Amino acid sequence: MKIATMIPKSLDAVLDDLDARDLLSLVDDVCRHRRVPRAELCGRSRAQSVSRARHEVWWLLRYDPERFYSLLEIARLFGRDHATVLAGIAAHERRRPRAEPLT
């Protein structure tokens, strides 16, 4: 059995992939609402505010009826492991009742 490994991506590669899928506007909306720089959200920052914003983006990509990306697709977009994405989405869901709506 072959084990898939996470391949870290550069910020430019992440941004290029998001742009190719027309997802930068979604990322920018979350960044603006959460007051987090796009470069940090798409980068490797582990700051709490950045991680929470990133988890929100992952949740939106996973559960938006028009997008519905798989965990693996989201992981590949952001250069993460699918388990990391799953944990981030679960963390966002636990916080969600307390989180401000994006509208």
PDB file of N, CA and C in Angstrom:
ATOM      1  N   MET A   1       0.842  -1.180   0.000  1.00  0.00           N
ATOM      2  CA  MET A   1       0.000   0.000   0.000  1.00  0.00           C
ATOM      3  C   MET A   1       0.891   1.249   0.000  1.00  0.00           C
ATOM      4  N   LYS A   2       0.616   2.141  -0.912  1.00  0.00           N
ATOM      5  CA  LYS A   2       1.382   3.372  -1.013  1.00  0.00           C
ATOM      6  C   LYS A   2       0.745   4.433  -0.121  1.00  0.00           C
ATOM      7  N   ILE A   3       1.564   5.088   0.679  1.00  0.00           N
ATOM      8  CA  ILE A   3       1.082   6.129   1.583  1.00  0.00           C
ATOM      9  C   ILE A   3       1.332   7.488   0.933  1.00  0.00           C
ATOM     10  N   ALA A   4       0.269   8.262   0.809  1.00  0.00           N
ATOM     11  CA  ALA A   4       0.391   9.600   0.229  1.00  0.00           C
ATOM     12  C   ALA A   4       1.028  10.525   1.252  1.00  0.00           C
ATOM     13  N   THR A   5       1.965  11.324   0.804  1.00  0.00           N
ATOM     14  CA  THR A   5       2.613  12.273   1.704  1.00  0.00           C
ATOM     15  C   THR A   5       2.252  13.682   1.290  1.00  0.00           C
ATOM     16  N   MET A   6       2.280  14.558   2.260  1.00  0.00           N
ATOM     17  CA  MET A   6       1.988  15.962   2.000  1.00  0.00           C
ATOM     18  C   MET A   6       3.187  16.588   1.296  1.00  0.00           C
ATOM     19  N   ILE A   7       2.916  17.317   0.266  1.00  0.00           N
ATOM     20  CA  ILE A   7       3.964  18.033  -0.441  1.00  0.00           C
ATOM     21  C   ILE A   7       3.740  19.519  -0.199  1.00  0.00           C
ATOM     22  N   PRO A   8       4.594  20.147   0.622  1.00  0.00           N
ATOM     23  CA  PRO A   8       4.412  21.577   0.867  1.00  0.00           C
ATOM     24  C   PRO A   8       4.515  22.369  -0.434  1.00  0.00           C
ATOM     25  N   LYS A   9       3.672  23.380  -0.543  1.00  0.00           N
ATOM     26  CA  LYS A   9       3.653  24.218  -1.736  1.00  0.00           C
ATOM     27  C   LYS A   9       4.064  25.628  -1.351  1.00  0.00           C
ATOM     28  N   SER A  10       4.651  26.313  -2.300  1.00  0.00           N
ATOM     29  CA  SER A  10       5.001  27.710  -2.064  1.00  0.00           C
ATOM     30  C   SER A  10       3.732  28.555  -2.086  1.00  0.00           C
ATOM     31  N   LEU A  11       3.815  29.727  -1.505  1.00  0.00           N
ATOM     32  CA  LEU A  11       2.678  30.640  -1.484  1.00  0.00           C
ATOM     33  C   LEU A  11       2.210  30.946  -2.902  1.00  0.00           C
ATOM     34  N   ASP A  12       3.148  31.185  -3.801  1.00  0.00           N
ATOM     35  CA  ASP A  12       2.785  31.491  -5.189  1.00  0.00           C
ATOM     36  C   ASP A  12       2.031  30.335  -5.841  1.00  0.00           C
ATOM     37  N   ALA A  13       2.443  29.103  -5.555  1.00  0.00           N
ATOM     38  CA  ALA A  13       1.771  27.934  -6.128  1.00  0.00           C
ATOM     39  C   ALA A  13       0.349  27.811  -5.587  1.00  0.00           C
ATOM     40  N   VAL A  14       0.173  28.060  -4.294  1.00  0.00           N
ATOM     41  CA  VAL A  14      -1.167  28.009  -3.697  1.00  0.00           C
ATOM     42  C   VAL A  14      -2.051  29.071  -4.337  1.00  0.00           C
ATOM     43  N   LEU A  15      -1.544  30.290  -4.437  1.00  0.00           N
ATOM     44  CA  LEU A  15      -2.322  31.380  -5.023  1.00  0.00           C
ATOM     45  C   LEU A  15      -2.654  31.110  -6.485  1.00  0.00           C
ATOM     46  N   ASP A  16      -1.717  30.549  -7.230  1.00  0.00           N
ATOM     47  CA  ASP A  16      -1.969  30.205  -8.636  1.00  0.00           C
ATOM     48  C   ASP A  16      -3.079  29.165  -8.758  1.00  0.00           C
ATOM     49  N   ASP A  17      -3.037  28.143  -7.895  1.00  0.00           N
ATOM     50  CA  ASP A  17      -4.072  27.108  -7.936  1.00  0.00           C
ATOM     51  C   ASP A  17      -5.439  27.658  -7.556  1.00  0.00           C
ATOM     52  N   LEU A  18      -5.485  28.524  -6.546  1.00  0.00           N
ATOM     53  CA  LEU A  18      -6.753  29.134  -6.145  1.00  0.00           C
ATOM     54  C   LEU A  18      -7.298  30.029  -7.260  1.00  0.00           C
ATOM     55  N   ASP A  19      -6.411  30.771  -7.907  1.00  0.00           N
ATOM     56  CA  ASP A  19      -6.819  31.653  -9.005  1.00  0.00           C
ATOM     57  C   ASP A  19      -7.336  30.838 -10.183  1.00  0.00           C
ATOM     58  N   ALA A  20      -6.677  29.732 -10.484  1.00  0.00           N
ATOM     59  CA  ALA A  20      -7.097  28.889 -11.606  1.00  0.00           C
ATOM     60  C   ALA A  20      -8.499  28.317 -11.386  1.00  0.00           C
ATOM     61  N   ARG A  21      -8.882  28.139 -10.140  1.00  0.00           N
ATOM     62  CA  ARG A  21     -10.210  27.595  -9.821  1.00  0.00           C
ATOM     63  C   ARG A  21     -11.201  28.690  -9.433  1.00  0.00           C
ATOM     64  N   ASP A  22     -10.805  29.941  -9.632  1.00  0.00           N
ATOM     65  CA  ASP A  22     -11.652  31.099  -9.337  1.00  0.00           C
ATOM     66  C   ASP A  22     -12.100  31.119  -7.866  1.00  0.00           C
ATOM     67  N   LEU A  23     -11.152  30.865  -6.962  1.00  0.00           N
ATOM     68  CA  LEU A  23     -11.450  30.815  -5.535  1.00  0.00           C
ATOM     69  C   LEU A  23     -10.841  31.976  -4.749  1.00  0.00           C
ATOM     70  N   LEU A  24     -10.091  32.840  -5.424  1.00  0.00           N
ATOM     71  CA  LEU A  24      -9.462  33.951  -4.712  1.00  0.00           C
ATOM     72  C   LEU A  24     -10.489  34.905  -4.104  1.00  0.00           C
ATOM     73  N   SER A  25     -11.624  35.076  -4.750  1.00  0.00           N
ATOM     74  CA  SER A  25     -12.635  35.980  -4.195  1.00  0.00           C
ATOM     75  C   SER A  25     -13.177  35.429  -2.875  1.00  0.00           C
ATOM     76  N   LEU A  26     -13.358  34.126  -2.786  1.00  0.00           N
ATOM     77  CA  LEU A  26     -13.791  33.511  -1.536  1.00  0.00           C
ATOM     78  C   LEU A  26     -12.739  33.721  -0.449  1.00  0.00           C
ATOM     79  N   VAL A  27     -11.492  33.463  -0.781  1.00  0.00           N
ATOM     80  CA  VAL A  27     -10.392  33.655   0.172  1.00  0.00           C
ATOM     81  C   VAL A  27     -10.319  35.113   0.598  1.00  0.00           C
ATOM     82  N   ASP A  28     -10.436  36.021  -0.353  1.00  0.00           N
ATOM     83  CA  ASP A  28     -10.376  37.447  -0.030  1.00  0.00           C
ATOM     84  C   ASP A  28     -11.532  37.885   0.861  1.00  0.00           C
ATOM     85  N   ASP A  29     -12.724  37.324   0.646  1.00  0.00           N
ATOM     86  CA  ASP A  29     -13.866  37.651   1.505  1.00  0.00           C
ATOM     87  C   ASP A  29     -13.603  37.236   2.947  1.00  0.00           C
ATOM     88  N   VAL A  30     -13.080  36.033   3.137  1.00  0.00           N
ATOM     89  CA  VAL A  30     -12.774  35.560   4.486  1.00  0.00           C
ATOM     90  C   VAL A  30     -11.647  36.404   5.092  1.00  0.00           C
ATOM     91  N   CYS A  31     -10.629  36.703   4.307  1.00  0.00           N
ATOM     92  CA  CYS A  31      -9.513  37.525   4.794  1.00  0.00           C
ATOM     93  C   CYS A  31      -9.996  38.896   5.244  1.00  0.00           C
ATOM     94  N   ARG A  32     -10.845  39.504   4.462  1.00  0.00           N
ATOM     95  CA  ARG A  32     -11.365  40.829   4.791  1.00  0.00           C
ATOM     96  C   ARG A  32     -12.217  40.764   6.061  1.00  0.00           C
ATOM     97  N   HIS A  33     -13.081  39.765   6.133  1.00  0.00           N
ATOM     98  CA  HIS A  33     -13.979  39.620   7.282  1.00  0.00           C
ATOM     99  C   HIS A  33     -13.202  39.310   8.563  1.00  0.00           C
ATOM    100  N   ARG A  34     -12.196  38.473   8.466  1.00  0.00           N
ATOM    101  CA  ARG A  34     -11.410  38.044   9.636  1.00  0.00           C
ATOM    102  C   ARG A  34     -10.171  38.900   9.874  1.00  0.00           C
ATOM    103  N   ARG A  35      -9.943  39.857   8.966  1.00  0.00           N
ATOM    104  CA  ARG A  35      -8.786  40.766   9.071  1.00  0.00           C
ATOM    105  C   ARG A  35      -7.453  40.008   9.143  1.00  0.00           C
ATOM    106  N   VAL A  36      -7.305  39.126   8.174  1.00  0.00           N
ATOM    107  CA  VAL A  36      -6.104  38.303   8.059  1.00  0.00           C
ATOM    108  C   VAL A  36      -5.533  38.509   6.661  1.00  0.00           C
ATOM    109  N   PRO A  37      -4.234  38.731   6.518  1.00  0.00           N
ATOM    110  CA  PRO A  37      -3.649  38.884   5.185  1.00  0.00           C
ATOM    111  C   PRO A  37      -3.741  37.586   4.370  1.00  0.00           C
ATOM    112  N   ARG A  38      -4.009  37.740   3.096  1.00  0.00           N
ATOM    113  CA  ARG A  38      -4.131  36.591   2.199  1.00  0.00           C
ATOM    114  C   ARG A  38      -2.864  35.742   2.207  1.00  0.00           C
ATOM    115  N   ALA A  39      -1.718  36.388   2.218  1.00  0.00           N
ATOM    116  CA  ALA A  39      -0.451  35.656   2.196  1.00  0.00           C
ATOM    117  C   ALA A  39      -0.305  34.764   3.425  1.00  0.00           C
ATOM    118  N   GLU A  40      -0.796  35.214   4.559  1.00  0.00           N
ATOM    119  CA  GLU A  40      -0.707  34.399   5.770  1.00  0.00           C
ATOM    120  C   GLU A  40      -1.721  33.257   5.737  1.00  0.00           C
ATOM    121  N   LEU A  41      -2.935  33.541   5.278  1.00  0.00           N
ATOM    122  CA  LEU A  41      -3.959  32.502   5.215  1.00  0.00           C
ATOM    123  C   LEU A  41      -3.526  31.378   4.273  1.00  0.00           C
ATOM    124  N   CYS A  42      -2.949  31.733   3.148  1.00  0.00           N
ATOM    125  CA  CYS A  42      -2.540  30.731   2.161  1.00  0.00           C
ATOM    126  C   CYS A  42      -1.144  30.181   2.439  1.00  0.00           C
ATOM    127  N   GLY A  43      -0.458  30.778   3.393  1.00  0.00           N
ATOM    128  CA  GLY A  43       0.898  30.349   3.722  1.00  0.00           C
ATOM    129  C   GLY A  43       0.929  29.324   4.835  1.00  0.00           C
ATOM    130  N   ARG A  44       1.998  29.330   5.594  1.00  0.00           N
ATOM    131  CA  ARG A  44       2.231  28.312   6.612  1.00  0.00           C
ATOM    132  C   ARG A  44       2.033  28.831   8.039  1.00  0.00           C
ATOM    133  N   SER A  45       1.502  30.034   8.200  1.00  0.00           N
ATOM    134  CA  SER A  45       1.320  30.618   9.535  1.00  0.00           C
ATOM    135  C   SER A  45       0.454  29.730  10.417  1.00  0.00           C
ATOM    136  N   ARG A  46       0.851  29.633  11.690  1.00  0.00           N
ATOM    137  CA  ARG A  46       0.087  28.849  12.648  1.00  0.00           C
ATOM    138  C   ARG A  46      -0.555  29.736  13.708  1.00  0.00           C
ATOM    139  N   ALA A  47      -0.549  31.037  13.476  1.00  0.00           N
ATOM    140  CA  ALA A  47      -1.202  31.954  14.406  1.00  0.00           C
ATOM    141  C   ALA A  47      -2.683  31.597  14.502  1.00  0.00           C
ATOM    142  N   GLN A  48      -3.246  31.723  15.685  1.00  0.00           N
ATOM    143  CA  GLN A  48      -4.625  31.310  15.906  1.00  0.00           C
ATOM    144  C   GLN A  48      -5.608  32.005  14.971  1.00  0.00           C
ATOM    145  N   SER A  49      -5.477  33.321  14.822  1.00  0.00           N
ATOM    146  CA  SER A  49      -6.414  34.054  13.963  1.00  0.00           C
ATOM    147  C   SER A  49      -6.317  33.594  12.512  1.00  0.00           C
ATOM    148  N   VAL A  50      -5.113  33.300  12.064  1.00  0.00           N
ATOM    149  CA  VAL A  50      -4.897  32.836  10.694  1.00  0.00           C
ATOM    150  C   VAL A  50      -5.433  31.417  10.517  1.00  0.00           C
ATOM    151  N   SER A  51      -5.144  30.553  11.474  1.00  0.00           N
ATOM    152  CA  SER A  51      -5.632  29.170  11.394  1.00  0.00           C
ATOM    153  C   SER A  51      -7.149  29.117  11.374  1.00  0.00           C
ATOM    154  N   ARG A  52      -7.776  29.937  12.203  1.00  0.00           N
ATOM    155  CA  ARG A  52      -9.236  29.943  12.233  1.00  0.00           C
ATOM    156  C   ARG A  52      -9.820  30.429  10.911  1.00  0.00           C
ATOM    157  N   ALA A  53      -9.203  31.424  10.321  1.00  0.00           N
ATOM    158  CA  ALA A  53      -9.671  31.898   9.015  1.00  0.00           C
ATOM    159  C   ALA A  53      -9.463  30.825   7.948  1.00  0.00           C
ATOM    160  N   ARG A  54      -8.313  30.162   7.993  1.00  0.00           N
ATOM    161  CA  ARG A  54      -8.026  29.090   7.037  1.00  0.00           C
ATOM    162  C   ARG A  54      -9.029  27.955   7.188  1.00  0.00           C
ATOM    163  N   HIS A  55      -9.356  27.592   8.422  1.00  0.00           N
ATOM    164  CA  HIS A  55     -10.346  26.536   8.659  1.00  0.00           C
ATOM    165  C   HIS A  55     -11.704  26.928   8.087  1.00  0.00           C
ATOM    166  N   GLU A  56     -12.044  28.206   8.208  1.00  0.00           N
ATOM    167  CA  GLU A  56     -13.314  28.677   7.646  1.00  0.00           C
ATOM    168  C   GLU A  56     -13.329  28.524   6.124  1.00  0.00           C
ATOM    169  N   VAL A  57     -12.229  28.886   5.475  1.00  0.00           N
ATOM    170  CA  VAL A  57     -12.144  28.726   4.019  1.00  0.00           C
ATOM    171  C   VAL A  57     -12.297  27.257   3.651  1.00  0.00           C
ATOM    172  N   TRP A  58     -11.597  26.387   4.382  1.00  0.00           N
ATOM    173  CA  TRP A  58     -11.698  24.953   4.092  1.00  0.00           C
ATOM    174  C   TRP A  58     -13.134  24.477   4.269  1.00  0.00           C
ATOM    175  N   TRP A  59     -13.796  24.924   5.324  1.00  0.00           N
ATOM    176  CA  TRP A  59     -15.184  24.532   5.568  1.00  0.00           C
ATOM    177  C   TRP A  59     -16.073  25.003   4.424  1.00  0.00           C
ATOM    178  N   LEU A  60     -15.872  26.243   3.991  1.00  0.00           N
ATOM    179  CA  LEU A  60     -16.672  26.775   2.890  1.00  0.00           C
ATOM    180  C   LEU A  60     -16.436  25.988   1.600  1.00  0.00           C
ATOM    181  N   LEU A  61     -15.204  25.621   1.329  1.00  0.00           N
ATOM    182  CA  LEU A  61     -14.909  24.835   0.131  1.00  0.00           C
ATOM    183  C   LEU A  61     -15.531  23.442   0.215  1.00  0.00           C
ATOM    184  N   ARG A  62     -15.573  22.899   1.393  1.00  0.00           N
ATOM    185  CA  ARG A  62     -16.105  21.544   1.576  1.00  0.00           C
ATOM    186  C   ARG A  62     -17.631  21.501   1.488  1.00  0.00           C
ATOM    187  N   TYR A  63     -18.301  22.499   2.069  1.00  0.00           N
ATOM    188  CA  TYR A  63     -19.756  22.406   2.215  1.00  0.00           C
ATOM    189  C   TYR A  63     -20.568  23.362   1.362  1.00  0.00           C
ATOM    190  N   ASP A  64     -19.953  24.219   0.589  1.00  0.00           N
ATOM    191  CA  ASP A  64     -20.708  25.069  -0.312  1.00  0.00           C
ATOM    192  C   ASP A  64     -21.324  24.185  -1.393  1.00  0.00           C
ATOM    193  N   PRO A  65     -22.636  24.283  -1.596  1.00  0.00           N
ATOM    194  CA  PRO A  65     -23.286  23.382  -2.559  1.00  0.00           C
ATOM    195  C   PRO A  65     -22.791  23.539  -3.998  1.00  0.00           C
ATOM    196  N   GLU A  66     -22.256  24.688  -4.339  1.00  0.00           N
ATOM    197  CA  GLU A  66     -21.758  24.888  -5.700  1.00  0.00           C
ATOM    198  C   GLU A  66     -20.326  24.388  -5.872  1.00  0.00           C
ATOM    199  N   ARG A  67     -19.606  24.224  -4.771  1.00  0.00           N
ATOM    200  CA  ARG A  67     -18.202  23.821  -4.874  1.00  0.00           C
ATOM    201  C   ARG A  67     -18.020  22.376  -4.430  1.00  0.00           C
ATOM    202  N   PHE A  68     -18.267  22.083  -3.180  1.00  0.00           N
ATOM    203  CA  PHE A  68     -18.151  20.768  -2.556  1.00  0.00           C
ATOM    204  C   PHE A  68     -16.860  20.061  -2.951  1.00  0.00           C
ATOM    205  N   TYR A  69     -15.741  20.644  -2.573  1.00  0.00           N
ATOM    206  CA  TYR A  69     -14.442  20.035  -2.814  1.00  0.00           C
ATOM    207  C   TYR A  69     -14.219  18.886  -1.839  1.00  0.00           C
ATOM    208  N   SER A  70     -13.516  17.857  -2.277  1.00  0.00           N
ATOM    209  CA  SER A  70     -13.174  16.752  -1.386  1.00  0.00           C
ATOM    210  C   SER A  70     -12.047  17.189  -0.451  1.00  0.00           C
ATOM    211  N   LEU A  71     -11.841  16.422   0.606  1.00  0.00           N
ATOM    212  CA  LEU A  71     -10.752  16.724   1.540  1.00  0.00           C
ATOM    213  C   LEU A  71      -9.412  16.695   0.813  1.00  0.00           C
ATOM    214  N   LEU A  72      -9.247  15.731  -0.066  1.00  0.00           N
ATOM    215  CA  LEU A  72      -7.989  15.615  -0.810  1.00  0.00           C
ATOM    216  C   LEU A  72      -7.778  16.809  -1.742  1.00  0.00           C
ATOM    217  N   GLU A  73      -8.842  17.258  -2.393  1.00  0.00           N
ATOM    218  CA  GLU A  73      -8.719  18.428  -3.277  1.00  0.00           C
ATOM    219  C   GLU A  73      -8.330  19.680  -2.488  1.00  0.00           C
ATOM    220  N   ILE A  74      -8.958  19.884  -1.341  1.00  0.00           N
ATOM    221  CA  ILE A  74      -8.633  21.048  -0.500  1.00  0.00           C
ATOM    222  C   ILE A  74      -7.193  20.935  -0.013  1.00  0.00           C
ATOM    223  N   ALA A  75      -6.809  19.735   0.417  1.00  0.00           N
ATOM    224  CA  ALA A  75      -5.442  19.522   0.897  1.00  0.00           C
ATOM    225  C   ALA A  75      -4.424  19.837  -0.190  1.00  0.00           C
ATOM    226  N   ARG A  76      -4.690  19.393  -1.402  1.00  0.00           N
ATOM    227  CA  ARG A  76      -3.762  19.657  -2.507  1.00  0.00           C
ATOM    228  C   ARG A  76      -3.705  21.140  -2.847  1.00  0.00           C
ATOM    229  N   LEU A  77      -4.857  21.823  -2.773  1.00  0.00           N
ATOM    230  CA  LEU A  77      -4.870  23.263  -3.055  1.00  0.00           C
ATOM    231  C   LEU A  77      -3.956  24.024  -2.106  1.00  0.00           C
ATOM    232  N   PHE A  78      -3.974  23.641  -0.832  1.00  0.00           N
ATOM    233  CA  PHE A  78      -3.242  24.379   0.185  1.00  0.00           C
ATOM    234  C   PHE A  78      -1.923  23.732   0.587  1.00  0.00           C
ATOM    235  N   GLY A  79      -1.548  22.640  -0.069  1.00  0.00           N
ATOM    236  CA  GLY A  79      -0.283  21.981   0.256  1.00  0.00           C
ATOM    237  C   GLY A  79      -0.288  21.380   1.644  1.00  0.00           C
ATOM    238  N   ARG A  80      -1.421  20.785   2.016  1.00  0.00           N
ATOM    239  CA  ARG A  80      -1.572  20.176   3.337  1.00  0.00           C
ATOM    240  C   ARG A  80      -1.956  18.711   3.177  1.00  0.00           C
ATOM    241  N   ASP A  81      -1.998  18.016   4.268  1.00  0.00           N
ATOM    242  CA  ASP A  81      -2.452  16.639   4.332  1.00  0.00           C
ATOM    243  C   ASP A  81      -3.969  16.633   4.504  1.00  0.00           C
ATOM    244  N   HIS A  82      -4.655  15.633   3.952  1.00  0.00           N
ATOM    245  CA  HIS A  82      -6.121  15.602   4.063  1.00  0.00           C
ATOM    246  C   HIS A  82      -6.571  15.506   5.522  1.00  0.00           C
ATOM    247  N   ALA A  83      -5.785  14.864   6.376  1.00  0.00           N
ATOM    248  CA  ALA A  83      -6.135  14.763   7.797  1.00  0.00           C
ATOM    249  C   ALA A  83      -6.071  16.129   8.472  1.00  0.00           C
ATOM    250  N   THR A  84      -5.144  16.960   8.043  1.00  0.00           N
ATOM    251  CA  THR A  84      -5.042  18.320   8.575  1.00  0.00           C
ATOM    252  C   THR A  84      -6.284  19.113   8.192  1.00  0.00           C
ATOM    253  N   VAL A  85      -6.710  18.958   6.954  1.00  0.00           N
ATOM    254  CA  VAL A  85      -7.915  19.650   6.488  1.00  0.00           C
ATOM    255  C   VAL A  85      -9.134  19.155   7.260  1.00  0.00           C
ATOM    256  N   LEU A  86      -9.239  17.857   7.444  1.00  0.00           N
ATOM    257  CA  LEU A  86     -10.360  17.292   8.200  1.00  0.00           C
ATOM    258  C   LEU A  86     -10.386  17.829   9.625  1.00  0.00           C
ATOM    259  N   ALA A  87      -9.237  17.887  10.272  1.00  0.00           N
ATOM    260  CA  ALA A  87      -9.158  18.416  11.636  1.00  0.00           C
ATOM    261  C   ALA A  87      -9.521  19.904  11.669  1.00  0.00           C
ATOM    262  N   GLY A  88      -9.090  20.659  10.667  1.00  0.00           N
ATOM    263  CA  GLY A  88      -9.419  22.080  10.602  1.00  0.00           C
ATOM    264  C   GLY A  88     -10.905  22.326  10.402  1.00  0.00           C
ATOM    265  N   ILE A  89     -11.523  21.531   9.549  1.00  0.00           N
ATOM    266  CA  ILE A  89     -12.963  21.656   9.316  1.00  0.00           C
ATOM    267  C   ILE A  89     -13.734  21.294  10.585  1.00  0.00           C
ATOM    268  N   ALA A  90     -13.295  20.227  11.257  1.00  0.00           N
ATOM    269  CA  ALA A  90     -13.955  19.821  12.508  1.00  0.00           C
ATOM    270  C   ALA A  90     -13.813  20.914  13.569  1.00  0.00           C
ATOM    271  N   ALA A  91     -12.643  21.541  13.641  1.00  0.00           N
ATOM    272  CA  ALA A  91     -12.435  22.630  14.604  1.00  0.00           C
ATOM    273  C   ALA A  91     -13.354  23.803  14.284  1.00  0.00           C
ATOM    274  N   HIS A  92     -13.489  24.117  13.006  1.00  0.00           N
ATOM    275  CA  HIS A  92     -14.383  25.213  12.618  1.00  0.00           C
ATOM    276  C   HIS A  92     -15.828  24.878  12.979  1.00  0.00           C
ATOM    277  N   GLU A  93     -16.231  23.644  12.768  1.00  0.00           N
ATOM    278  CA  GLU A  93     -17.597  23.249  13.106  1.00  0.00           C
ATOM    279  C   GLU A  93     -17.860  23.357  14.603  1.00  0.00           C
ATOM    280  N   ARG A  94     -16.866  23.030  15.426  1.00  0.00           N
ATOM    281  CA  ARG A  94     -17.032  23.174  16.881  1.00  0.00           C
ATOM    282  C   ARG A  94     -17.177  24.640  17.277  1.00  0.00           C
ATOM    283  N   ARG A  95     -16.471  25.510  16.579  1.00  0.00           N
ATOM    284  CA  ARG A  95     -16.528  26.952  16.881  1.00  0.00           C
ATOM    285  C   ARG A  95     -17.704  27.643  16.212  1.00  0.00           C
ATOM    286  N   ARG A  96     -18.251  27.031  15.199  1.00  0.00           N
ATOM    287  CA  ARG A  96     -19.228  27.685  14.324  1.00  0.00           C
ATOM    288  C   ARG A  96     -20.382  28.369  15.035  1.00  0.00           C
ATOM    289  N   PRO A  97     -21.019  27.783  16.030  1.00  0.00           N
ATOM    290  CA  PRO A  97     -22.116  28.503  16.693  1.00  0.00           C
ATOM    291  C   PRO A  97     -21.673  29.835  17.294  1.00  0.00           C
ATOM    292  N   ARG A  98     -20.394  29.919  17.652  1.00  0.00           N
ATOM    293  CA  ARG A  98     -19.865  31.158  18.219  1.00  0.00           C
ATOM    294  C   ARG A  98     -19.255  32.075  17.173  1.00  0.00           C
ATOM    295  N   ALA A  99     -18.975  31.544  15.989  1.00  0.00           N
ATOM    296  CA  ALA A  99     -18.329  32.332  14.931  1.00  0.00           C
ATOM    297  C   ALA A  99     -19.322  33.306  14.312  1.00  0.00           C
ATOM    298  N   GLU A 100     -18.788  34.427  13.886  1.00  0.00           N
ATOM    299  CA  GLU A 100     -19.616  35.409  13.188  1.00  0.00           C
ATOM    300  C   GLU A 100     -19.913  34.912  11.793  1.00  0.00           C
ATOM    301  N   PRO A 101     -21.115  35.117  11.286  1.00  0.00           N
ATOM    302  CA  PRO A 101     -21.411  34.709   9.909  1.00  0.00           C
ATOM    303  C   PRO A 101     -20.623  35.551   8.911  1.00  0.00           C
ATOM    304  N   LEU A 102     -20.316  34.965   7.773  1.00  0.00           N
ATOM    305  CA  LEU A 102     -19.502  35.636   6.754  1.00  0.00           C
ATOM    306  C   LEU A 102     -20.271  36.700   6.002  1.00  0.00           C
ATOM    307  N   THR A 103     -21.562  36.581   5.838  1.00  0.00           N
ATOM    308  CA  THR A 103     -22.384  37.465   5.018  1.00  0.00           C
ATOM    309  C   THR A 103     -21.810  38.777   4.866  1.00  0.00           C
TER     310      THR A 103
END
